[in-house]
N, C-alpha and C. Protein backbone atom coordinates (compact mmCIF):
# COMPACT_ATOMS: atom_id res chain seq x y z
N MET A 1 0.83 -1.17 0.00
CA MET A 1 0.00 0.00 0.00
C MET A 1 0.88 1.24 0.00
N GLY A 2 0.49 2.25 -0.77
CA GLY A 2 1.22 3.50 -0.80
C GLY A 2 0.95 4.33 0.44
N LYS A 3 1.56 5.48 0.48
CA LYS A 3 1.35 6.36 1.63
C LYS A 3 -0.02 7.02 1.53
N VAL A 4 -0.63 7.21 2.68
CA VAL A 4 -1.95 7.82 2.76
C VAL A 4 -1.90 8.94 3.80
N ILE A 5 -2.53 10.05 3.49
CA ILE A 5 -2.64 11.15 4.45
C ILE A 5 -4.11 11.27 4.85
N VAL A 6 -4.35 11.28 6.16
CA VAL A 6 -5.70 11.44 6.69
C VAL A 6 -5.70 12.71 7.53
N VAL A 7 -6.66 13.59 7.28
CA VAL A 7 -6.76 14.85 8.01
C VAL A 7 -8.13 14.90 8.69
N PHE A 8 -8.13 15.18 9.98
CA PHE A 8 -9.38 15.32 10.73
C PHE A 8 -9.59 16.81 11.02
N VAL A 9 -10.75 17.33 10.64
CA VAL A 9 -11.08 18.74 10.89
C VAL A 9 -12.42 18.83 11.62
N GLY A 10 -12.60 19.90 12.36
CA GLY A 10 -13.86 20.12 13.06
C GLY A 10 -13.70 21.24 14.06
N PRO A 11 -14.81 21.64 14.66
CA PRO A 11 -14.75 22.74 15.63
C PRO A 11 -14.03 22.34 16.92
N ALA A 12 -13.62 23.35 17.66
CA ALA A 12 -12.95 23.13 18.94
C ALA A 12 -13.82 22.28 19.85
N GLY A 13 -13.19 21.30 20.48
CA GLY A 13 -13.91 20.46 21.44
C GLY A 13 -14.73 19.35 20.83
N SER A 14 -14.58 19.12 19.52
CA SER A 14 -15.40 18.10 18.86
C SER A 14 -14.82 16.70 18.94
N GLY A 15 -13.58 16.56 19.44
CA GLY A 15 -12.99 15.24 19.61
C GLY A 15 -11.95 14.85 18.58
N LYS A 16 -11.43 15.82 17.84
CA LYS A 16 -10.43 15.52 16.81
C LYS A 16 -9.19 14.85 17.38
N SER A 17 -8.65 15.40 18.45
CA SER A 17 -7.44 14.84 19.06
C SER A 17 -7.69 13.45 19.62
N THR A 18 -8.85 13.25 20.22
CA THR A 18 -9.21 11.93 20.74
C THR A 18 -9.32 10.93 19.60
N LEU A 19 -9.92 11.35 18.49
CA LEU A 19 -10.05 10.48 17.32
C LEU A 19 -8.67 10.16 16.74
N VAL A 20 -7.81 11.15 16.64
CA VAL A 20 -6.45 10.92 16.13
C VAL A 20 -5.73 9.89 17.00
N ALA A 21 -5.82 10.03 18.31
CA ALA A 21 -5.15 9.09 19.22
C ALA A 21 -5.67 7.68 19.03
N ALA A 22 -6.99 7.52 18.96
CA ALA A 22 -7.58 6.19 18.80
C ALA A 22 -7.26 5.59 17.44
N TYR A 23 -7.34 6.40 16.40
CA TYR A 23 -7.07 5.92 15.03
C TYR A 23 -5.60 5.53 14.88
N ALA A 24 -4.70 6.35 15.41
CA ALA A 24 -3.27 6.03 15.33
C ALA A 24 -2.96 4.74 16.08
N LYS A 25 -3.55 4.57 17.25
CA LYS A 25 -3.33 3.35 18.03
C LYS A 25 -3.83 2.14 17.26
N TRP A 26 -5.01 2.25 16.67
CA TRP A 26 -5.59 1.14 15.91
C TRP A 26 -4.69 0.78 14.71
N LEU A 27 -4.20 1.78 14.00
CA LEU A 27 -3.32 1.52 12.86
C LEU A 27 -2.02 0.86 13.32
N GLN A 28 -1.43 1.37 14.39
CA GLN A 28 -0.18 0.82 14.90
C GLN A 28 -0.34 -0.62 15.36
N GLU A 29 -1.50 -0.94 15.92
CA GLU A 29 -1.75 -2.33 16.32
C GLU A 29 -1.82 -3.26 15.11
N GLY A 30 -2.10 -2.70 13.95
CA GLY A 30 -2.12 -3.47 12.71
C GLY A 30 -0.81 -3.37 11.95
N ASP A 31 0.26 -2.96 12.65
CA ASP A 31 1.60 -2.82 12.07
C ASP A 31 1.67 -1.82 10.93
N VAL A 32 0.87 -0.77 11.03
CA VAL A 32 0.92 0.31 10.05
C VAL A 32 1.75 1.45 10.65
N SER A 33 2.68 1.98 9.86
CA SER A 33 3.50 3.09 10.31
C SER A 33 2.64 4.36 10.35
N VAL A 34 2.72 5.09 11.45
CA VAL A 34 1.88 6.27 11.65
C VAL A 34 2.76 7.46 12.04
N TYR A 35 2.48 8.60 11.46
CA TYR A 35 3.16 9.84 11.82
C TYR A 35 2.07 10.88 12.08
N THR A 36 1.94 11.32 13.31
CA THR A 36 0.89 12.28 13.65
C THR A 36 1.45 13.70 13.69
N VAL A 37 0.60 14.65 13.32
CA VAL A 37 0.96 16.06 13.30
C VAL A 37 -0.13 16.85 14.02
N ASN A 38 0.25 17.71 14.94
CA ASN A 38 -0.69 18.60 15.59
C ASN A 38 -0.59 19.97 14.94
N LEU A 39 -1.70 20.45 14.36
CA LEU A 39 -1.71 21.77 13.73
C LEU A 39 -2.49 22.80 14.54
N ASP A 40 -2.81 22.49 15.78
CA ASP A 40 -3.56 23.41 16.64
C ASP A 40 -2.61 24.04 17.66
N PRO A 41 -2.21 25.30 17.43
CA PRO A 41 -1.26 25.92 18.34
C PRO A 41 -1.85 26.23 19.71
N ALA A 42 -3.17 26.14 19.85
CA ALA A 42 -3.81 26.46 21.12
C ALA A 42 -4.26 25.22 21.89
N ALA A 43 -3.92 24.04 21.39
CA ALA A 43 -4.31 22.80 22.09
C ALA A 43 -3.66 22.78 23.47
N GLU A 44 -4.48 22.56 24.49
CA GLU A 44 -3.93 22.56 25.85
C GLU A 44 -3.26 21.24 26.20
N THR A 45 -3.86 20.14 25.79
CA THR A 45 -3.27 18.82 26.00
C THR A 45 -3.56 17.96 24.78
N LEU A 46 -2.72 16.97 24.56
CA LEU A 46 -2.93 16.03 23.46
C LEU A 46 -2.88 14.61 24.01
N PRO A 47 -3.79 13.75 23.58
CA PRO A 47 -3.78 12.36 24.05
C PRO A 47 -2.85 11.47 23.23
N TYR A 48 -1.97 12.08 22.46
CA TYR A 48 -1.00 11.35 21.66
C TYR A 48 0.27 12.19 21.57
N GLU A 49 1.36 11.57 21.20
CA GLU A 49 2.64 12.26 21.05
C GLU A 49 2.84 12.56 19.57
N PRO A 50 2.68 13.81 19.15
CA PRO A 50 2.81 14.11 17.72
C PRO A 50 4.25 14.06 17.25
N GLY A 51 4.42 13.61 16.01
CA GLY A 51 5.74 13.62 15.40
C GLY A 51 6.18 15.05 15.09
N LEU A 52 5.20 15.88 14.77
CA LEU A 52 5.43 17.31 14.53
C LEU A 52 4.33 18.07 15.26
N ASP A 53 4.71 19.05 16.03
CA ASP A 53 3.75 19.81 16.82
C ASP A 53 3.93 21.30 16.53
N VAL A 54 2.90 21.92 15.96
CA VAL A 54 2.98 23.34 15.62
C VAL A 54 3.21 24.21 16.86
N MET A 55 2.88 23.68 18.04
CA MET A 55 3.11 24.44 19.26
C MET A 55 4.60 24.68 19.51
N SER A 56 5.46 23.90 18.87
CA SER A 56 6.90 24.12 19.01
C SER A 56 7.36 25.28 18.11
N ILE A 57 6.46 25.74 17.23
CA ILE A 57 6.78 26.82 16.30
C ILE A 57 6.00 28.09 16.62
N VAL A 58 4.72 27.92 16.99
CA VAL A 58 3.81 29.05 17.21
C VAL A 58 3.38 29.09 18.67
N ASP A 59 3.51 30.24 19.29
CA ASP A 59 3.04 30.45 20.66
C ASP A 59 1.69 31.17 20.57
N ALA A 60 0.60 30.44 20.75
CA ALA A 60 -0.75 30.99 20.58
C ALA A 60 -0.99 32.18 21.51
N ARG A 61 -0.49 32.12 22.73
CA ARG A 61 -0.70 33.24 23.66
C ARG A 61 0.02 34.49 23.18
N GLU A 62 1.22 34.31 22.65
CA GLU A 62 1.98 35.45 22.14
C GLU A 62 1.27 36.06 20.92
N VAL A 63 0.75 35.23 20.04
CA VAL A 63 0.01 35.73 18.87
C VAL A 63 -1.23 36.50 19.33
N ALA A 64 -1.97 35.94 20.29
CA ALA A 64 -3.17 36.60 20.80
C ALA A 64 -2.82 37.95 21.44
N ARG A 65 -1.74 37.97 22.19
CA ARG A 65 -1.31 39.20 22.85
C ARG A 65 -0.90 40.24 21.80
N LYS A 66 -0.13 39.82 20.82
CA LYS A 66 0.38 40.74 19.80
C LYS A 66 -0.74 41.38 18.98
N TYR A 67 -1.78 40.59 18.68
CA TYR A 67 -2.85 41.08 17.82
C TYR A 67 -4.13 41.42 18.59
N GLY A 68 -4.06 41.44 19.91
CA GLY A 68 -5.20 41.82 20.72
C GLY A 68 -6.38 40.88 20.61
N LEU A 69 -6.09 39.60 20.49
CA LEU A 69 -7.16 38.61 20.35
C LEU A 69 -7.60 38.06 21.69
């Protein structure tokens, strides 16, 4: 099987991170290689360890402070 990219989108608090954690676990149990990415700079906690985390690049509080959000 070739590489596949799956993206989960939805409003805040809808369970995207929980779904990513469960889906990644299920794939890994089937010996599928998984690489997770967090694109939410304001996520307070994640139920999975992302391979790439935008929070390491963007400080949501600093952005909010800078732009008066």
